Amino acid sequence: MCACATLPVALSAQTKNGKAIVSIQNTSKIKRTGAVTAVAWKSILAKFPGIDTGNFKVLNAANKEVPFQLVYQGQTDPQQLLVQLDVAPNASVKLAVVPGKAAKAVQKTFGRYIPERKDDFAWENDKVAFRMYGKALEASPKEMAYGLDIWGKRTTRMILNERYKRGEYHVDHGDGNDYYHVGLTLGGGDIAPVVKDKIYYPLNYRNWKILDQGPLRFTFQLSYDNWDVDGKSVKVTKTISLDAGSHLNRVEANYEYAGTDDLPVVVGIIKRAEPGKLLLDEQQGIMGYWEPQHGEDGITGVGTIVADPKLKMKVSNEQLLTQTSTKNGAGIVYYNGTAWNKAGEITTAAAWFDYLNNFKQALERPLKVTVQ
């Protein structure tokens, strides 16, 4: 049986005149809380061709507004309508897209290029924060790092600008801090080619482009100069998205090189010298790490999800690695992210590994969307 929410009679009558009704169904046994869900914009246009992108709102069965975002993916016209909502297990929710001035949505994702800090590119949502390193950092060999950096965060506010303005992001001023060490590794779940157990790191990113700037999804691209991978010239562009409420980024890495051979790659997580707790689930493609306690800074959980039945996992002296492969121009999609025990939401290894497993199940059984 499916518990299906219905629209109020008055609203149903209102939406029959060329408006759009969106049905979102959860066919799984897991409650989807704060799920950011995409509706193809062309589906909205098919039912509501006269919609004004600057004058519409989304209403639920209680006639209350639902947060939304138009996604452009770098294009001129909208590509998707994002909504954020809760859907109970084996239930559905109906929404109405109607004319009217929408209330301003709360900004739950944000990111930008940071020229004032050696070309960092940083981004965040209401749960987590990250950064990637740019070209200018290469002029400081003692600070040089390659992979994904993780920032501890324990507020729903957007805090990147505040932290960079203070210039003390290694100090916790009540909203979290950056104590995570990356060094010359893949850090918190970055990706790089590998040949005969040697990881071929590119230099830091050279160009950036923001595709969508919230409030529910932040998407951007980082591109890298060609570099040598065991005698082969390779370049990569990474498209990274972070949704409101999520602890994980979606990453699509598109490698370009001559030939049709597969390119072996690894997704990695830096491992600390002290004992931590590991989850290496090759069948599900989930690699999880609950780091050892870092003094008063607390504990960071890191995780990646790669969908490939042929992948292999291993633990080296300094990294947890998931090895898979990609092809020229094909793009490989995976997920990486974090939790911090001092944020108070995910405070144990068991809770973190459960989160990763539930996230994977949600990927396998996404919410079903229909437009009437």
Protein backbone atom coordinates (compact mmCIF):
# COMPACT_ATOMS: atom_id res chain seq x y z
CA MET A 1 0.00 0.00 0.00
CA CYS A 2 1.15 3.55 -0.72
CA ALA A 3 0.31 6.45 1.53
CA CYS A 4 -0.47 9.18 -0.97
CA ALA A 5 -0.87 12.83 -0.07
CA THR A 6 -3.65 14.65 -1.93
CA LEU A 7 -3.99 18.31 -2.79
CA PRO A 8 -6.70 20.46 -1.23
CA VAL A 9 -9.87 20.71 -3.35
CA ALA A 10 -9.48 24.44 -3.99
CA LEU A 11 -5.86 24.05 -5.01
CA SER A 12 -6.66 21.05 -7.22
CA ALA A 13 -9.24 23.12 -9.06
CA GLN A 14 -6.77 25.98 -9.44
CA THR A 15 -4.09 23.73 -10.93
CA LYS A 16 -6.31 22.18 -13.59
CA ASN A 17 -5.96 25.26 -15.76
CA GLY A 18 -2.57 24.67 -17.38
CA LYS A 19 -0.63 24.35 -14.15
CA ALA A 20 1.57 21.42 -13.13
CA ILE A 21 1.06 18.80 -10.44
CA VAL A 22 4.18 16.88 -9.43
CA SER A 23 3.94 13.48 -7.76
CA ILE A 24 7.02 12.22 -5.90
CA GLN A 25 6.96 8.60 -4.74
CA ASN A 26 9.26 6.79 -2.33
CA THR A 27 9.22 3.06 -3.14
CA SER A 28 11.84 2.17 -0.54
CA LYS A 29 11.61 1.27 3.15
CA ILE A 30 13.79 4.21 4.13
CA LYS A 31 12.34 7.61 5.00
CA ARG A 32 13.74 10.32 2.75
CA THR A 33 14.34 13.35 4.93
CA GLY A 34 15.13 16.70 3.33
CA ALA A 35 15.63 14.97 -0.01
CA VAL A 36 16.59 17.28 -2.87
CA THR A 37 14.69 15.91 -5.86
CA ALA A 38 14.98 16.90 -9.52
CA VAL A 39 12.01 17.39 -11.84
CA ALA A 40 12.78 17.74 -15.54
CA TRP A 41 11.90 21.30 -16.53
CA LYS A 42 10.62 20.14 -19.91
CA SER A 43 8.04 18.07 -18.03
CA ILE A 44 6.86 21.20 -16.22
CA LEU A 45 6.71 23.13 -19.50
CA ALA A 46 4.64 20.38 -21.11
CA LYS A 47 1.89 20.88 -18.52
CA PHE A 48 2.44 24.57 -17.79
CA PRO A 49 3.79 26.13 -21.02
CA GLY A 50 3.04 29.67 -19.88
CA ILE A 51 5.03 29.47 -16.66
CA ASP A 52 7.00 32.58 -15.71
CA THR A 53 10.35 31.48 -14.27
CA GLY A 54 10.39 34.59 -12.10
CA ASN A 55 6.84 34.27 -10.78
CA PHE A 56 5.87 30.81 -9.61
CA LYS A 57 5.86 28.86 -6.39
CA VAL A 58 5.61 25.23 -5.31
CA LEU A 59 2.91 24.25 -2.81
CA ASN A 60 2.38 21.05 -0.83
CA ALA A 61 -0.87 19.41 0.25
CA ALA A 62 -1.10 21.78 3.21
CA ASN A 63 -0.95 24.72 0.80
CA LYS A 64 2.47 25.68 2.19
CA GLU A 65 5.45 26.64 0.06
CA VAL A 66 8.16 24.08 -0.63
CA PRO A 67 11.75 25.32 -1.16
CA PHE A 68 12.86 25.05 -4.77
CA GLN A 69 15.64 25.96 -7.17
CA LEU A 70 15.87 26.22 -10.92
CA VAL A 71 18.95 24.35 -12.16
CA TYR A 72 20.64 25.61 -15.31
CA GLN A 73 23.70 23.32 -15.45
CA GLY A 74 25.58 26.15 -17.14
CA GLN A 75 22.91 26.56 -19.84
CA THR A 76 20.77 29.59 -20.71
CA ASP A 77 17.44 27.91 -20.00
CA PRO A 78 16.38 25.93 -16.92
CA GLN A 79 17.10 22.21 -17.07
CA GLN A 80 15.53 21.02 -13.82
CA LEU A 81 13.34 22.13 -10.96
CA LEU A 82 14.75 21.06 -7.60
CA VAL A 83 12.53 20.68 -4.55
CA GLN A 84 13.47 19.69 -1.02
CA LEU A 85 11.00 17.61 0.96
CA ASP A 86 10.41 14.63 3.24
CA VAL A 87 8.82 11.46 1.88
CA ALA A 88 7.86 8.60 4.19
CA PRO A 89 8.66 4.97 3.26
CA ASN A 90 6.33 3.57 0.59
CA ALA A 91 4.53 6.89 0.35
CA SER A 92 4.09 9.69 -2.13
CA VAL A 93 3.81 13.46 -1.98
CA LYS A 94 1.98 15.72 -4.40
CA LEU A 95 3.10 19.26 -5.14
CA ALA A 96 1.50 21.99 -7.22
CA VAL A 97 3.50 24.40 -9.37
CA VAL A 98 1.35 27.54 -9.54
CA PRO A 99 1.70 31.21 -10.46
CA GLY A 100 2.68 33.57 -7.67
CA LYS A 101 5.56 35.27 -5.93
CA ALA A 102 7.62 32.68 -4.05
CA ALA A 103 9.12 33.38 -0.66
CA LYS A 104 12.88 33.72 -0.73
CA ALA A 105 14.46 30.34 -0.07
CA VAL A 106 17.05 29.93 2.67
CA GLN A 107 20.55 29.63 1.21
CA LYS A 108 21.64 26.09 2.07
CA THR A 109 24.55 25.72 -0.37
CA PHE A 110 27.31 28.10 -1.38
CA GLY A 111 30.74 28.13 -2.94
CA ARG A 112 33.28 30.38 -4.60
CA TYR A 113 36.80 30.85 -5.85
CA ILE A 114 39.07 32.18 -3.09
CA PRO A 115 41.78 34.33 -4.73
CA GLU A 116 42.76 35.75 -1.35
CA ARG A 117 43.89 32.28 -0.17
CA LYS A 118 46.20 30.93 -2.88
CA ASP A 119 43.47 30.00 -5.40
CA ASP A 120 41.43 27.79 -3.08
CA PHE A 121 38.01 26.77 -4.33
CA ALA A 122 35.67 26.17 -1.38
CA TRP A 123 32.05 25.09 -1.06
CA GLU A 124 29.56 24.12 1.64
CA ASN A 125 26.01 23.26 2.54
CA ASP A 126 24.10 23.28 5.82
CA LYS A 127 26.01 20.19 7.02
CA VAL A 128 29.55 20.08 5.62
CA ALA A 129 32.28 22.11 3.89
CA PHE A 130 35.16 21.33 1.52
CA ARG A 131 37.91 22.91 -0.52
CA MET A 132 40.21 22.06 -3.41
CA TYR A 133 43.63 23.58 -3.91
CA GLY A 134 44.64 25.85 -6.79
CA LYS A 135 47.73 26.79 -8.74
CA ALA A 136 49.01 29.48 -6.36
CA LEU A 137 49.55 26.92 -3.60
CA GLU A 138 52.25 25.27 -5.72
CA ALA A 139 54.49 28.26 -5.02
CA SER A 140 54.53 27.21 -1.34
CA PRO A 141 56.18 23.76 -1.30
CA LYS A 142 55.83 23.36 2.47
CA GLU A 143 52.03 23.82 2.18
CA MET A 144 51.57 21.86 -1.04
CA ALA A 145 48.64 19.43 -1.08
CA TYR A 146 46.71 17.56 -3.78
CA GLY A 147 43.44 16.04 -2.68
CA LEU A 148 40.07 17.04 -1.26
CA ASP A 149 40.19 19.00 1.99
CA ILE A 150 37.43 18.65 4.59
CA TRP A 151 36.31 21.36 6.99
CA GLY A 152 34.61 20.57 10.27
CA LYS A 153 31.27 22.38 10.44
CA ARG A 154 28.66 22.54 13.20
CA THR A 155 26.20 25.19 12.10
CA THR A 156 23.57 25.36 9.37
CA ARG A 157 24.75 28.85 8.39
CA MET A 158 26.99 29.48 5.40
CA ILE A 159 30.38 30.17 6.99
CA LEU A 160 33.03 30.10 4.24
CA ASN A 161 33.23 33.86 3.82
CA GLU A 162 33.38 34.40 7.58
CA ARG A 163 36.22 31.93 7.99
CA TYR A 164 38.32 33.30 5.17
CA LYS A 165 37.72 36.86 6.37
CA ARG A 166 38.88 35.91 9.88
CA GLY A 167 41.88 34.11 8.43
CA GLU A 168 41.76 31.65 11.33
CA TYR A 169 39.96 28.66 9.85
CA HIS A 170 42.17 26.28 11.85
CA VAL A 171 40.62 27.74 15.03
CA ASP A 172 37.10 26.77 16.11
CA HIS A 173 35.13 29.97 16.78
CA GLY A 174 31.97 28.02 17.51
CA ASP A 175 31.08 26.96 13.97
CA GLY A 176 33.86 24.41 13.38
CA ASN A 177 37.37 24.46 11.95
CA ASP A 178 39.77 22.96 9.44
CA TYR A 179 42.04 20.49 11.20
CA TYR A 180 41.97 17.88 8.41
CA HIS A 181 45.39 17.08 6.93
CA VAL A 182 45.58 16.24 3.20
CA GLY A 183 49.22 16.50 2.18
CA LEU A 184 50.36 14.73 -0.99
CA THR A 185 47.42 12.30 -0.99
CA LEU A 186 43.87 12.09 -2.31
CA GLY A 187 42.63 13.52 0.99
CA GLY A 188 38.92 13.08 1.62
CA GLY A 189 37.97 11.12 -1.49
CA ASP A 190 39.62 12.64 -4.55
CA ILE A 191 40.41 10.62 -7.69
CA ALA A 192 43.53 10.07 -9.82
CA PRO A 193 44.93 7.61 -12.39
CA VAL A 194 46.97 4.66 -11.16
CA VAL A 195 49.41 2.38 -13.00
CA LYS A 196 51.15 -0.55 -11.29
CA ASP A 197 50.22 0.80 -7.85
CA LYS A 198 51.67 4.23 -8.61
CA ILE A 199 49.20 7.10 -8.30
CA TYR A 200 49.72 9.83 -10.89
CA TYR A 201 48.58 13.07 -9.31
CA PRO A 202 47.89 16.09 -11.51
CA LEU A 203 48.99 19.54 -10.44
CA ASN A 204 46.29 21.56 -8.73
CA TYR A 205 43.30 22.84 -10.68
CA ARG A 206 43.81 25.62 -13.23
CA ASN A 207 40.31 26.83 -14.15
CA TRP A 208 36.95 26.94 -12.39
CA LYS A 209 33.37 27.53 -13.46
CA ILE A 210 30.21 27.78 -11.34
CA LEU A 211 27.23 26.11 -13.00
CA ASP A 212 24.58 26.56 -10.29
CA GLN A 213 24.78 28.66 -7.11
CA GLY A 214 22.14 27.30 -4.75
CA PRO A 215 20.07 27.66 -2.72
CA LEU A 216 19.56 23.86 -2.79
CA ARG A 217 22.39 22.67 -5.03
CA PHE A 218 25.83 24.08 -5.71
CA THR A 219 27.53 22.77 -8.86
CA PHE A 220 30.89 23.74 -10.30
CA GLN A 221 33.66 22.51 -12.57
CA LEU A 222 37.40 22.35 -12.04
CA SER A 223 39.73 21.71 -14.96
CA TYR A 224 43.35 20.59 -14.82
CA ASP A 225 46.29 20.90 -17.20
CA ASN A 226 47.51 17.83 -19.07
CA TRP A 227 49.98 15.69 -17.16
CA ASP A 228 51.95 12.53 -17.83
CA VAL A 229 50.44 9.22 -16.74
CA ASP A 230 52.97 6.49 -17.43
CA GLY A 231 53.87 8.00 -20.80
CA LYS A 232 50.32 9.05 -21.72
CA SER A 233 49.14 12.67 -21.77
CA VAL A 234 45.94 12.96 -19.72
CA LYS A 235 43.66 15.83 -18.74
CA VAL A 236 40.62 15.87 -16.47
CA THR A 237 37.58 18.01 -15.75
CA LYS A 238 35.69 17.42 -12.51
CA THR A 239 32.05 18.44 -12.12
CA ILE A 240 31.10 18.51 -8.44
CA SER A 241 27.63 18.98 -6.92
CA LEU A 242 26.59 19.32 -3.30
CA ASP A 243 22.92 19.27 -2.29
CA ALA A 244 21.38 20.83 0.79
CA GLY A 245 21.21 18.39 3.67
CA SER A 246 23.67 15.93 2.16
CA HIS A 247 26.99 14.81 3.62
CA LEU A 248 28.24 13.63 0.22
CA ASN A 249 29.26 15.34 -3.01
CA ARG A 250 28.44 13.93 -6.42
CA VAL A 251 31.62 13.94 -8.53
CA GLU A 252 31.89 13.32 -12.26
CA ALA A 253 35.49 13.06 -13.45
CA ASN A 254 35.90 13.22 -17.21
CA TYR A 255 39.33 12.09 -18.39
CA GLU A 256 40.59 12.80 -21.90
CA TYR A 257 43.50 11.01 -23.55
CA ALA A 258 44.46 9.41 -26.85
CA GLY A 259 43.35 5.86 -27.58
CA THR A 260 40.53 3.58 -26.51
CA ASP A 261 42.22 1.74 -23.64
CA ASP A 262 40.69 1.82 -20.18
CA LEU A 263 42.31 4.22 -17.73
CA PRO A 264 42.72 2.70 -14.24
CA VAL A 265 41.86 5.19 -11.49
CA VAL A 266 41.68 5.16 -7.71
CA VAL A 267 39.44 7.03 -5.30
CA GLY A 268 41.30 7.49 -2.04
CA ILE A 269 41.03 8.54 1.59
CA ILE A 270 44.09 9.49 3.61
CA LYS A 271 44.69 7.14 6.56
CA ARG A 272 46.04 8.30 9.91
CA ALA A 273 48.86 6.60 11.80
CA GLU A 274 46.64 5.81 14.80
CA PRO A 275 43.97 3.09 14.54
CA GLY A 276 40.60 4.06 13.09
CA LYS A 277 37.53 2.10 12.01
CA LEU A 278 37.18 0.92 8.42
CA LEU A 279 34.35 -0.14 6.14
CA LEU A 280 35.50 -1.78 2.90
CA ASP A 281 32.41 -3.13 1.14
CA GLU A 282 33.43 -4.05 -2.39
CA GLN A 283 30.01 -5.47 -3.23
CA GLN A 284 28.24 -2.20 -2.45
CA GLY A 285 31.14 0.02 -3.51
CA ILE A 286 31.20 1.73 -0.11
CA MET A 287 34.48 2.73 1.50
CA GLY A 288 34.14 4.29 4.94
CA TYR A 289 36.64 5.56 7.48
CA TRP A 290 36.06 6.77 11.02
CA GLU A 291 39.29 8.49 11.95
CA PRO A 292 41.00 8.29 15.32
CA GLN A 293 40.28 11.08 17.79
CA HIS A 294 42.24 14.25 17.00
CA GLY A 295 42.47 15.77 20.47
CA GLU A 296 39.92 18.50 21.14
CA ASP A 297 39.16 18.72 17.40
CA GLY A 298 37.08 15.55 17.59
CA ILE A 299 36.62 12.82 14.99
CA THR A 300 36.06 13.04 11.25
CA GLY A 301 34.28 10.38 9.25
CA VAL A 302 35.06 10.11 5.54
CA GLY A 303 33.37 8.00 2.90
CA THR A 304 33.16 7.25 -0.81
CA ILE A 305 30.67 5.36 -2.96
CA VAL A 306 31.65 3.97 -6.36
CA ALA A 307 29.20 1.95 -8.45
CA ASP A 308 31.26 -0.68 -10.29
CA PRO A 309 30.86 -4.45 -9.80
CA LYS A 310 34.50 -4.98 -10.82
CA LEU A 311 36.08 -2.52 -8.39
CA LYS A 312 38.73 -3.55 -5.89
CA MET A 313 39.56 -2.04 -2.52
CA LYS A 314 42.76 -2.08 -0.53
CA VAL A 315 44.52 -0.28 2.30
CA SER A 316 48.04 1.02 1.73
CA ASN A 317 50.36 2.54 4.30
CA GLU A 318 48.84 5.97 3.85
CA GLN A 319 45.49 5.63 2.04
CA LEU A 320 42.29 3.62 1.68
CA LEU A 321 41.83 3.01 -2.04
CA THR A 322 39.00 1.97 -4.34
CA GLN A 323 40.30 1.03 -7.79
CA THR A 324 38.11 1.11 -10.88
CA SER A 325 38.55 2.32 -14.45
CA THR A 326 37.16 4.80 -16.94
CA LYS A 327 37.35 5.51 -20.66
CA ASN A 328 38.33 8.53 -22.70
CA GLY A 329 35.55 11.12 -22.49
CA ALA A 330 33.13 8.76 -20.73
CA GLY A 331 33.02 10.37 -17.30
CA ILE A 332 33.07 8.39 -14.08
CA VAL A 333 30.55 9.27 -11.37
CA TYR A 334 31.13 8.63 -7.68
CA TYR A 335 30.36 10.20 -4.30
CA ASN A 336 32.59 11.48 -1.52
CA GLY A 337 31.94 13.22 1.74
CA THR A 338 32.24 13.54 5.46
CA ALA A 339 30.72 13.80 8.93
CA TRP A 340 32.15 15.39 12.08
CA ASN A 341 31.22 14.09 15.49
CA LYS A 342 31.29 17.57 17.06
CA ALA A 343 28.41 18.61 14.78
CA GLY A 344 26.28 16.34 16.97
CA GLU A 345 24.38 14.54 14.20
CA ILE A 346 26.62 11.60 13.28
CA THR A 347 28.77 10.81 16.30
CA THR A 348 29.91 7.18 15.93
CA ALA A 349 31.46 4.94 13.31
CA ALA A 350 28.30 2.81 13.25
CA ALA A 351 26.13 5.86 12.54
CA TRP A 352 28.47 7.01 9.78
CA PHE A 353 28.58 3.62 8.09
CA ASP A 354 24.77 3.40 8.35
CA TYR A 355 24.52 6.79 6.66
CA LEU A 356 26.72 5.60 3.79
CA ASN A 357 24.67 2.42 3.37
CA ASN A 358 21.39 4.34 3.39
CA PHE A 359 22.80 6.82 0.88
CA LYS A 360 23.70 3.95 -1.44
CA GLN A 361 20.21 2.48 -1.10
CA ALA A 362 18.71 5.85 -1.98
CA LEU A 363 20.88 5.97 -5.11
CA GLU A 364 19.64 2.54 -6.13
CA ARG A 365 15.99 3.41 -5.46
CA PRO A 366 15.60 7.09 -6.26
CA LEU A 367 12.34 8.91 -5.70
CA LYS A 368 10.00 8.47 -8.67
CA VAL A 369 8.78 11.71 -10.21
CA THR A 370 5.76 12.18 -12.48
CA VAL A 371 4.20 15.42 -13.72
CA GLN A 372 0.50 15.80 -14.53
